[in-house]
Amino acid sequence: MNKPDIKLLNKGNSLKILEVIGRANMVMPTHTSSEEATVIVLEGSVIIDFGGSEHLLKTGETLLIPAKQAHSLLVMTKLRALVIMPIESLIEFIN
């Protein structure tokens, strides 16, 4: 499966910032974060599926994903996004 790239951009005393880079049709399979996470789309668009709903995010839009909420991503157009979460937050993929 072709997944977006994720890299750690920065971390402080309590928060870390991840950068997500992807191309159209890339998929990040269903996963959870142990803590809540804020997604900020800097460029492109992505569908985040959680809680029985699809959320289309475009450049400049944000979404707060609750802790332990299973979700997946489908990149619609070339994507660059930031994810801000507590430093101790762990991402766990579900099968």
PDB file of N, CA and C in Angstrom:
ATOM      1  N   MET A   1       0.851  -1.188   0.000  1.00  0.00           N
ATOM      2  CA  MET A   1       0.000   0.000   0.000  1.00  0.00           C
ATOM      3  C   MET A   1       0.890   1.242   0.000  1.00  0.00           C
ATOM      4  N   ASN A   2       0.526   2.214  -0.760  1.00  0.00           N
ATOM      5  CA  ASN A   2       1.266   3.451  -0.883  1.00  0.00           C
ATOM      6  C   ASN A   2       0.766   4.451   0.151  1.00  0.00           C
ATOM      7  N   LYS A   3       1.560   4.664   1.229  1.00  0.00           N
ATOM      8  CA  LYS A   3       1.138   5.531   2.329  1.00  0.00           C
ATOM      9  C   LYS A   3       1.875   6.870   2.276  1.00  0.00           C
ATOM     10  N   PRO A   4       1.237   7.938   2.790  1.00  0.00           N
ATOM     11  CA  PRO A   4       1.929   9.220   2.898  1.00  0.00           C
ATOM     12  C   PRO A   4       3.142   9.113   3.819  1.00  0.00           C
ATOM     13  N   ASP A   5       4.118   9.972   3.591  1.00  0.00           N
ATOM     14  CA  ASP A   5       5.298  10.039   4.458  1.00  0.00           C
ATOM     15  C   ASP A   5       4.983  10.894   5.678  1.00  0.00           C
ATOM     16  N   ILE A   6       5.462  10.455   6.830  1.00  0.00           N
ATOM     17  CA  ILE A   6       5.287  11.209   8.073  1.00  0.00           C
ATOM     18  C   ILE A   6       6.661  11.403   8.692  1.00  0.00           C
ATOM     19  N   LYS A   7       6.967  12.645   9.067  1.00  0.00           N
ATOM     20  CA  LYS A   7       8.237  12.877   9.750  1.00  0.00           C
ATOM     21  C   LYS A   7       8.034  13.874  10.882  1.00  0.00           C
ATOM     22  N   LEU A   8       8.850  13.720  11.904  1.00  0.00           N
ATOM     23  CA  LEU A   8       8.823  14.624  13.047  1.00  0.00           C
ATOM     24  C   LEU A   8       9.506  15.929  12.647  1.00  0.00           C
ATOM     25  N   LEU A   9       8.768  17.042  12.745  1.00  0.00           N
ATOM     26  CA  LEU A   9       9.337  18.349  12.412  1.00  0.00           C
ATOM     27  C   LEU A   9       9.965  19.018  13.624  1.00  0.00           C
ATOM     28  N   ASN A  10       9.265  18.907  14.759  1.00  0.00           N
ATOM     29  CA  ASN A  10       9.721  19.611  15.951  1.00  0.00           C
ATOM     30  C   ASN A  10       9.042  19.032  17.170  1.00  0.00           C
ATOM     31  N   LYS A  11       9.666  19.199  18.320  1.00  0.00           N
ATOM     32  CA  LYS A  11       9.015  18.823  19.569  1.00  0.00           C
ATOM     33  C   LYS A  11       9.475  19.759  20.673  1.00  0.00           C
ATOM     34  N   GLY A  12       8.547  20.024  21.575  1.00  0.00           N
ATOM     35  CA  GLY A  12       8.837  20.879  22.720  1.00  0.00           C
ATOM     36  C   GLY A  12       8.696  20.069  23.988  1.00  0.00           C
ATOM     37  N   ASN A  13       8.347  20.761  25.062  1.00  0.00           N
ATOM     38  CA  ASN A  13       8.183  20.088  26.345  1.00  0.00           C
ATOM     39  C   ASN A  13       6.910  19.259  26.399  1.00  0.00           C
ATOM     40  N   SER A  14       5.858  19.696  25.699  1.00  0.00           N
ATOM     41  CA  SER A  14       4.583  18.988  25.813  1.00  0.00           C
ATOM     42  C   SER A  14       3.952  18.614  24.468  1.00  0.00           C
ATOM     43  N   LEU A  15       4.395  19.214  23.361  1.00  0.00           N
ATOM     44  CA  LEU A  15       3.787  18.950  22.057  1.00  0.00           C
ATOM     45  C   LEU A  15       4.840  18.552  21.033  1.00  0.00           C
ATOM     46  N   LYS A  16       4.385  17.789  20.010  1.00  0.00           N
ATOM     47  CA  LYS A  16       5.229  17.494  18.864  1.00  0.00           C
ATOM     48  C   LYS A  16       4.459  17.848  17.597  1.00  0.00           C
ATOM     49  N   ILE A  17       5.204  18.169  16.536  1.00  0.00           N
ATOM     50  CA  ILE A  17       4.612  18.521  15.251  1.00  0.00           C
ATOM     51  C   ILE A  17       5.131  17.536  14.216  1.00  0.00           C
ATOM     52  N   LEU A  18       4.183  16.842  13.565  1.00  0.00           N
ATOM     53  CA  LEU A  18       4.509  15.912  12.494  1.00  0.00           C
ATOM     54  C   LEU A  18       4.115  16.526  11.159  1.00  0.00           C
ATOM     55  N   GLU A  19       4.891  16.245  10.131  1.00  0.00           N
ATOM     56  CA  GLU A  19       4.552  16.680   8.780  1.00  0.00           C
ATOM     57  C   GLU A  19       4.104  15.453   7.993  1.00  0.00           C
ATOM     58  N   VAL A  20       2.983  15.588   7.294  1.00  0.00           N
ATOM     59  CA  VAL A  20       2.446  14.512   6.455  1.00  0.00           C
ATOM     60  C   VAL A  20       2.505  14.985   5.002  1.00  0.00           C
ATOM     61  N   ILE A  21       3.186  14.217   4.165  1.00  0.00           N
ATOM     62  CA  ILE A  21       3.326  14.539   2.740  1.00  0.00           C
ATOM     63  C   ILE A  21       2.779  13.363   1.934  1.00  0.00           C
ATOM     64  N   GLY A  22       1.904  13.663   0.973  1.00  0.00           N
ATOM     65  CA  GLY A  22       1.348  12.583   0.168  1.00  0.00           C
ATOM     66  C   GLY A  22       0.928  13.031  -1.218  1.00  0.00           C
ATOM     67  N   ARG A  23       0.737  12.036  -2.081  1.00  0.00           N
ATOM     68  CA  ARG A  23       0.245  12.261  -3.435  1.00  0.00           C
ATOM     69  C   ARG A  23      -1.173  11.724  -3.543  1.00  0.00           C
ATOM     70  N   ALA A  24      -1.882  12.152  -4.561  1.00  0.00           N
ATOM     71  CA  ALA A  24      -3.266  11.708  -4.777  1.00  0.00           C
ATOM     72  C   ALA A  24      -3.359  10.191  -4.729  1.00  0.00           C
ATOM     73  N   ASN A  25      -4.402   9.720  -4.075  1.00  0.00           N
ATOM     74  CA  ASN A  25      -4.752   8.307  -3.937  1.00  0.00           C
ATOM     75  C   ASN A  25      -3.917   7.541  -2.924  1.00  0.00           C
ATOM     76  N   MET A  26      -2.998   8.201  -2.234  1.00  0.00           N
ATOM     77  CA  MET A  26      -2.298   7.535  -1.140  1.00  0.00           C
ATOM     78  C   MET A  26      -3.278   7.351   0.018  1.00  0.00           C
ATOM     79  N   VAL A  27      -3.106   6.257   0.754  1.00  0.00           N
ATOM     80  CA  VAL A  27      -4.009   5.938   1.854  1.00  0.00           C
ATOM     81  C   VAL A  27      -3.202   5.692   3.119  1.00  0.00           C
ATOM     82  N   MET A  28      -3.655   6.275   4.214  1.00  0.00           N
ATOM     83  CA  MET A  28      -3.118   5.906   5.523  1.00  0.00           C
ATOM     84  C   MET A  28      -4.190   5.044   6.168  1.00  0.00           C
ATOM     85  N   PRO A  29      -3.886   3.756   6.386  1.00  0.00           N
ATOM     86  CA  PRO A  29      -4.911   2.853   6.898  1.00  0.00           C
ATOM     87  C   PRO A  29      -5.400   3.242   8.288  1.00  0.00           C
ATOM     88  N   THR A  30      -6.450   2.586   8.710  1.00  0.00           N
ATOM     89  CA  THR A  30      -7.085   2.901   9.985  1.00  0.00           C
ATOM     90  C   THR A  30      -6.082   2.789  11.129  1.00  0.00           C
ATOM     91  N   HIS A  31      -6.084   3.828  11.960  1.00  0.00           N
ATOM     92  CA  HIS A  31      -5.177   3.899  13.095  1.00  0.00           C
ATOM     93  C   HIS A  31      -5.791   4.762  14.190  1.00  0.00           C
ATOM     94  N   THR A  32      -5.152   4.755  15.337  1.00  0.00           N
ATOM     95  CA  THR A  32      -5.577   5.608  16.454  1.00  0.00           C
ATOM     96  C   THR A  32      -4.367   6.359  16.974  1.00  0.00           C
ATOM     97  N   SER A  33      -4.639   7.413  17.717  1.00  0.00           N
ATOM     98  CA  SER A  33      -3.619   8.138  18.460  1.00  0.00           C
ATOM     99  C   SER A  33      -4.032   8.078  19.921  1.00  0.00           C
ATOM    100  N   SER A  34      -3.080   7.838  20.787  1.00  0.00           N
ATOM    101  CA  SER A  34      -3.407   7.705  22.204  1.00  0.00           C
ATOM    102  C   SER A  34      -3.886   9.025  22.817  1.00  0.00           C
ATOM    103  N   GLU A  35      -3.598  10.139  22.161  1.00  0.00           N
ATOM    104  CA  GLU A  35      -4.024  11.474  22.615  1.00  0.00           C
ATOM    105  C   GLU A  35      -4.688  12.196  21.441  1.00  0.00           C
ATOM    106  N   GLU A  36      -5.438  13.266  21.730  1.00  0.00           N
ATOM    107  CA  GLU A  36      -6.077  13.994  20.637  1.00  0.00           C
ATOM    108  C   GLU A  36      -5.018  14.630  19.736  1.00  0.00           C
ATOM    109  N   ALA A  37      -5.398  14.857  18.493  1.00  0.00           N
ATOM    110  CA  ALA A  37      -4.484  15.415  17.497  1.00  0.00           C
ATOM    111  C   ALA A  37      -5.208  16.458  16.664  1.00  0.00           C
ATOM    112  N   THR A  38      -4.489  17.516  16.312  1.00  0.00           N
ATOM    113  CA  THR A  38      -5.015  18.556  15.438  1.00  0.00           C
ATOM    114  C   THR A  38      -4.329  18.436  14.081  1.00  0.00           C
ATOM    115  N   VAL A  39      -5.125  18.337  13.023  1.00  0.00           N
ATOM    116  CA  VAL A  39      -4.613  18.261  11.652  1.00  0.00           C
ATOM    117  C   VAL A  39      -4.813  19.628  11.004  1.00  0.00           C
ATOM    118  N   ILE A  40      -3.757  20.151  10.390  1.00  0.00           N
ATOM    119  CA  ILE A  40      -3.802  21.434   9.684  1.00  0.00           C
ATOM    120  C   ILE A  40      -3.318  21.184   8.258  1.00  0.00           C
ATOM    121  N   VAL A  41      -4.182  21.408   7.280  1.00  0.00           N
ATOM    122  CA  VAL A  41      -3.804  21.190   5.882  1.00  0.00           C
ATOM    123  C   VAL A  41      -3.150  22.469   5.347  1.00  0.00           C
ATOM    124  N   LEU A  42      -1.881  22.349   4.963  1.00  0.00           N
ATOM    125  CA  LEU A  42      -1.135  23.489   4.415  1.00  0.00           C
ATOM    126  C   LEU A  42      -1.273  23.581   2.904  1.00  0.00           C
ATOM    127  N   GLU A  43      -1.433  22.413   2.274  1.00  0.00           N
ATOM    128  CA  GLU A  43      -1.547  22.369   0.811  1.00  0.00           C
ATOM    129  C   GLU A  43      -2.306  21.112   0.430  1.00  0.00           C
ATOM    130  N   GLY A  44      -3.208  21.230  -0.527  1.00  0.00           N
ATOM    131  CA  GLY A  44      -3.913  20.078  -1.066  1.00  0.00           C
ATOM    132  C   GLY A  44      -5.201  19.755  -0.343  1.00  0.00           C
ATOM    133  N   SER A  45      -5.614  18.488  -0.460  1.00  0.00           N
ATOM    134  CA  SER A  45      -6.864  18.062   0.173  1.00  0.00           C
ATOM    135  C   SER A  45      -6.774  16.595   0.563  1.00  0.00           C
ATOM    136  N   VAL A  46      -7.534  16.253   1.611  1.00  0.00           N
ATOM    137  CA  VAL A  46      -7.517  14.904   2.160  1.00  0.00           C
ATOM    138  C   VAL A  46      -8.888  14.598   2.757  1.00  0.00           C
ATOM    139  N   ILE A  47      -9.302  13.356   2.665  1.00  0.00           N
ATOM    140  CA  ILE A  47     -10.515  12.913   3.349  1.00  0.00           C
ATOM    141  C   ILE A  47     -10.077  12.130   4.581  1.00  0.00           C
ATOM    142  N   ILE A  48     -10.565  12.561   5.734  1.00  0.00           N
ATOM    143  CA  ILE A  48     -10.317  11.844   6.984  1.00  0.00           C
ATOM    144  C   ILE A  48     -11.637  11.224   7.405  1.00  0.00           C
ATOM    145  N   ASP A  49     -11.619   9.913   7.520  1.00  0.00           N
ATOM    146  CA  ASP A  49     -12.824   9.151   7.839  1.00  0.00           C
ATOM    147  C   ASP A  49     -12.765   8.733   9.307  1.00  0.00           C
ATOM    148  N   PHE A  50     -13.697   9.240  10.121  1.00  0.00           N
ATOM    149  CA  PHE A  50     -13.795   8.781  11.506  1.00  0.00           C
ATOM    150  C   PHE A  50     -15.186   9.050  12.043  1.00  0.00           C
ATOM    151  N   GLY A  51     -15.545   8.268  13.032  1.00  0.00           N
ATOM    152  CA  GLY A  51     -16.845   8.452  13.672  1.00  0.00           C
ATOM    153  C   GLY A  51     -18.012   8.260  12.729  1.00  0.00           C
ATOM    154  N   GLY A  52     -17.836   7.461  11.675  1.00  0.00           N
ATOM    155  CA  GLY A  52     -18.913   7.221  10.731  1.00  0.00           C
ATOM    156  C   GLY A  52     -19.124   8.331   9.720  1.00  0.00           C
ATOM    157  N   SER A  53     -18.213   9.312   9.682  1.00  0.00           N
ATOM    158  CA  SER A  53     -18.330  10.438   8.743  1.00  0.00           C
ATOM    159  C   SER A  53     -17.016  10.662   8.007  1.00  0.00           C
ATOM    160  N   GLU A  54     -17.139  11.152   6.777  1.00  0.00           N
ATOM    161  CA  GLU A  54     -15.965  11.569   6.009  1.00  0.00           C
ATOM    162  C   GLU A  54     -15.844  13.076   6.091  1.00  0.00           C
ATOM    163  N   HIS A  55     -14.642  13.542   6.423  1.00  0.00           N
ATOM    164  CA  HIS A  55     -14.380  14.970   6.553  1.00  0.00           C
ATOM    165  C   HIS A  55     -13.382  15.368   5.465  1.00  0.00           C
ATOM    166  N   LEU A  56     -13.834  16.160   4.492  1.00  0.00           N
ATOM    167  CA  LEU A  56     -12.958  16.648   3.434  1.00  0.00           C
ATOM    168  C   LEU A  56     -12.279  17.917   3.916  1.00  0.00           C
ATOM    169  N   LEU A  57     -10.968  17.877   4.011  1.00  0.00           N
ATOM    170  CA  LEU A  57     -10.192  19.045   4.434  1.00  0.00           C
ATOM    171  C   LEU A  57      -9.390  19.564   3.250  1.00  0.00           C
ATOM    172  N   LYS A  58      -9.439  20.877   3.061  1.00  0.00           N
ATOM    173  CA  LYS A  58      -8.692  21.535   1.990  1.00  0.00           C
ATOM    174  C   LYS A  58      -7.695  22.503   2.604  1.00  0.00           C
ATOM    175  N   THR A  59      -6.847  23.085   1.765  1.00  0.00           N
ATOM    176  CA  THR A  59      -5.831  24.025   2.214  1.00  0.00           C
ATOM    177  C   THR A  59      -6.416  25.043   3.198  1.00  0.00           C
ATOM    178  N   GLY A  60      -5.760  25.174   4.351  1.00  0.00           N
ATOM    179  CA  GLY A  60      -6.161  26.144   5.358  1.00  0.00           C
ATOM    180  C   GLY A  60      -7.169  25.620   6.374  1.00  0.00           C
ATOM    181  N   GLU A  61      -7.665  24.405   6.173  1.00  0.00           N
ATOM    182  CA  GLU A  61      -8.679  23.868   7.087  1.00  0.00           C
ATOM    183  C   GLU A  61      -8.029  22.969   8.140  1.00  0.00           C
ATOM    184  N   THR A  62      -8.727  22.820   9.270  1.00  0.00           N
ATOM    185  CA  THR A  62      -8.222  22.035  10.388  1.00  0.00           C
ATOM    186  C   THR A  62      -9.288  21.059  10.875  1.00  0.00           C
ATOM    187  N   LEU A  63      -8.829  20.056  11.606  1.00  0.00           N
ATOM    188  CA  LEU A  63      -9.738  19.087  12.214  1.00  0.00           C
ATOM    189  C   LEU A  63      -9.108  18.570  13.496  1.00  0.00           C
ATOM    190  N   LEU A  64      -9.899  18.505  14.545  1.00  0.00           N
ATOM    191  CA  LEU A  64      -9.464  17.932  15.812  1.00  0.00           C
ATOM    192  C   LEU A  64      -9.954  16.491  15.873  1.00  0.00           C
ATOM    193  N   ILE A  65      -9.032  15.565  16.031  1.00  0.00           N
ATOM    194  CA  ILE A  65      -9.381  14.142  16.116  1.00  0.00           C
ATOM    195  C   ILE A  65      -9.250  13.724  17.581  1.00  0.00           C
ATOM    196  N   PRO A  66     -10.334  13.239  18.170  1.00  0.00           N
ATOM    197  CA  PRO A  66     -10.286  12.842  19.583  1.00  0.00           C
ATOM    198  C   PRO A  66      -9.315  11.682  19.838  1.00  0.00           C
ATOM    199  N   ALA A  67      -8.814  11.610  21.051  1.00  0.00           N
ATOM    200  CA  ALA A  67      -7.933  10.511  21.456  1.00  0.00           C
ATOM    201  C   ALA A  67      -8.635   9.173  21.265  1.00  0.00           C
ATOM    202  N   LYS A  68      -7.867   8.203  20.828  1.00  0.00           N
ATOM    203  CA  LYS A  68      -8.321   6.812  20.659  1.00  0.00           C
ATOM    204  C   LYS A  68      -9.427   6.632  19.616  1.00  0.00           C
ATOM    205  N   GLN A  69      -9.689   7.663  18.799  1.00  0.00           N
ATOM    206  CA  GLN A  69     -10.706   7.577  17.747  1.00  0.00           C
ATOM    207  C   GLN A  69     -10.082   6.959  16.498  1.00  0.00           C
ATOM    208  N   ALA A  70     -10.567   5.790  16.101  1.00  0.00           N
ATOM    209  CA  ALA A  70     -10.053   5.145  14.889  1.00  0.00           C
ATOM    210  C   ALA A  70     -10.370   6.029  13.682  1.00  0.00           C
ATOM    211  N   HIS A  71      -9.388   6.210  12.805  1.00  0.00           N
ATOM    212  CA  HIS A  71      -9.588   7.044  11.624  1.00  0.00           C
ATOM    213  C   HIS A  71      -8.605   6.614  10.527  1.00  0.00           C
ATOM    214  N   SER A  72      -8.939   6.995   9.287  1.00  0.00           N
ATOM    215  CA  SER A  72      -8.079   6.726   8.142  1.00  0.00           C
ATOM    216  C   SER A  72      -8.040   7.962   7.253  1.00  0.00           C
ATOM    217  N   LEU A  73      -7.044   8.010   6.352  1.00  0.00           N
ATOM    218  CA  LEU A  73      -6.875   9.155   5.461  1.00  0.00           C
ATOM    219  C   LEU A  73      -6.810   8.686   4.015  1.00  0.00           C
ATOM    220  N   LEU A  74      -7.421   9.467   3.136  1.00  0.00           N
ATOM    221  CA  LEU A  74      -7.300   9.276   1.696  1.00  0.00           C
ATOM    222  C   LEU A  74      -6.882  10.610   1.102  1.00  0.00           C
ATOM    223  N   VAL A  75      -5.688  10.653   0.520  1.00  0.00           N
ATOM    224  CA  VAL A  75      -5.178  11.885  -0.084  1.00  0.00           C
ATOM    225  C   VAL A  75      -5.890  12.102  -1.412  1.00  0.00           C
ATOM    226  N   MET A  76      -6.488  13.280  -1.580  1.00  0.00           N
ATOM    227  CA  MET A  76      -7.218  13.604  -2.808  1.00  0.00           C
ATOM    228  C   MET A  76      -6.320  14.307  -3.827  1.00  0.00           C
ATOM    229  N   THR A  77      -5.555  15.277  -3.359  1.00  0.00           N
ATOM    230  CA  THR A  77      -4.601  15.992  -4.209  1.00  0.00           C
ATOM    231  C   THR A  77      -3.304  16.144  -3.421  1.00  0.00           C
ATOM    232  N   LYS A  78      -2.226  16.444  -4.105  1.00  0.00           N
ATOM    233  CA  LYS A  78      -0.921  16.584  -3.456  1.00  0.00           C
ATOM    234  C   LYS A  78      -1.103  17.242  -2.091  1.00  0.00           C
ATOM    235  N   LEU A  79      -0.594  16.576  -1.048  1.00  0.00           N
ATOM    236  CA  LEU A  79      -0.885  16.992   0.326  1.00  0.00           C
ATOM    237  C   LEU A  79       0.366  17.337   1.104  1.00  0.00           C
ATOM    238  N   ARG A  80       0.252  18.419   1.846  1.00  0.00           N
ATOM    239  CA  ARG A  80       1.229  18.761   2.889  1.00  0.00           C
ATOM    240  C   ARG A  80       0.405  19.220   4.078  1.00  0.00           C
ATOM    241  N   ALA A  81       0.522  18.511   5.189  1.00  0.00           N
ATOM    242  CA  ALA A  81      -0.267  18.823   6.375  1.00  0.00           C
ATOM    243  C   ALA A  81       0.607  18.703   7.615  1.00  0.00           C
ATOM    244  N   LEU A  82       0.184  19.373   8.672  1.00  0.00           N
ATOM    245  CA  LEU A  82       0.829  19.252   9.974  1.00  0.00           C
ATOM    246  C   LEU A  82      -0.133  18.564  10.919  1.00  0.00           C
ATOM    247  N   VAL A  83       0.417  17.768  11.818  1.00  0.00           N
ATOM    248  CA  VAL A  83      -0.358  17.150  12.882  1.00  0.00           C
ATOM    249  C   VAL A  83       0.319  17.548  14.189  1.00  0.00           C
ATOM    250  N   ILE A  84      -0.455  18.166  15.074  1.00  0.00           N
ATOM    251  CA  ILE A  84       0.066  18.602  16.369  1.00  0.00           C
ATOM    252  C   ILE A  84      -0.598  17.756  17.442  1.00  0.00           C
ATOM    253  N   MET A  85       0.247  17.158  18.292  1.00  0.00           N
ATOM    254  CA  MET A  85      -0.270  16.270  19.333  1.00  0.00           C
ATOM    255  C   MET A  85       0.686  16.282  20.528  1.00  0.00           C
ATOM    256  N   PRO A  86       0.202  15.826  21.684  1.00  0.00           N
ATOM    257  CA  PRO A  86       1.097  15.734  22.836  1.00  0.00           C
ATOM    258  C   PRO A  86       2.305  14.850  22.527  1.00  0.00           C
ATOM    259  N   ILE A  87       3.419  15.193  23.104  1.00  0.00           N
ATOM    260  CA  ILE A  87       4.675  14.498  22.826  1.00  0.00           C
ATOM    261  C   ILE A  87       4.598  13.008  23.150  1.00  0.00           C
ATOM    262  N   GLU A  88       3.802  12.640  24.149  1.00  0.00           N
ATOM    263  CA  GLU A  88       3.706  11.230  24.545  1.00  0.00           C
ATOM    264  C   GLU A  88       2.712  10.436  23.700  1.00  0.00           C
ATOM    265  N   SER A  89       2.043  11.095  22.774  1.00  0.00           N
ATOM    266  CA  SER A  89       1.037  10.434  21.948  1.00  0.00           C
ATOM    267  C   SER A  89       1.663   9.364  21.063  1.00  0.00           C
ATOM    268  N   LEU A  90       1.008   8.202  21.011  1.00  0.00           N
ATOM    269  CA  LEU A  90       1.472   7.092  20.195  1.00  0.00           C
ATOM    270  C   LEU A  90       0.430   6.785  19.116  1.00  0.00           C
ATOM    271  N   ILE A  91       0.904   6.498  17.905  1.00  0.00           N
ATOM    272  CA  ILE A  91       0.037   6.122  16.795  1.00  0.00           C
ATOM    273  C   ILE A  91       0.084   4.604  16.661  1.00  0.00           C
ATOM    274  N   GLU A  92      -1.094   3.996  16.614  1.00  0.00           N
ATOM    275  CA  GLU A  92      -1.182   2.536  16.493  1.00  0.00           C
ATOM    276  C   GLU A  92      -2.085   2.180  15.324  1.00  0.00           C
ATOM    277  N   PHE A  93      -1.563   1.402  14.382  1.00  0.00           N
ATOM    278  CA  PHE A  93      -2.349   0.967  13.229  1.00  0.00           C
ATOM    279  C   PHE A  93      -3.184  -0.236  13.593  1.00  0.00           C
ATOM    280  N   ILE A  94      -4.399  -0.280  13.041  1.00  0.00           N
ATOM    281  CA  ILE A  94      -5.348  -1.367  13.315  1.00  0.00           C
ATOM    282  C   ILE A  94      -5.381  -2.261  12.087  1.00  0.00           C
ATOM    283  N   ASN A  95      -4.731  -3.403  12.187  1.00  0.00           N
ATOM    284  CA  ASN A  95      -4.642  -4.372  11.076  1.00  0.00           C
ATOM    285  C   ASN A  95      -4.442  -3.661   9.781  1.00  0.00           C
TER     286      ASN A  95
END
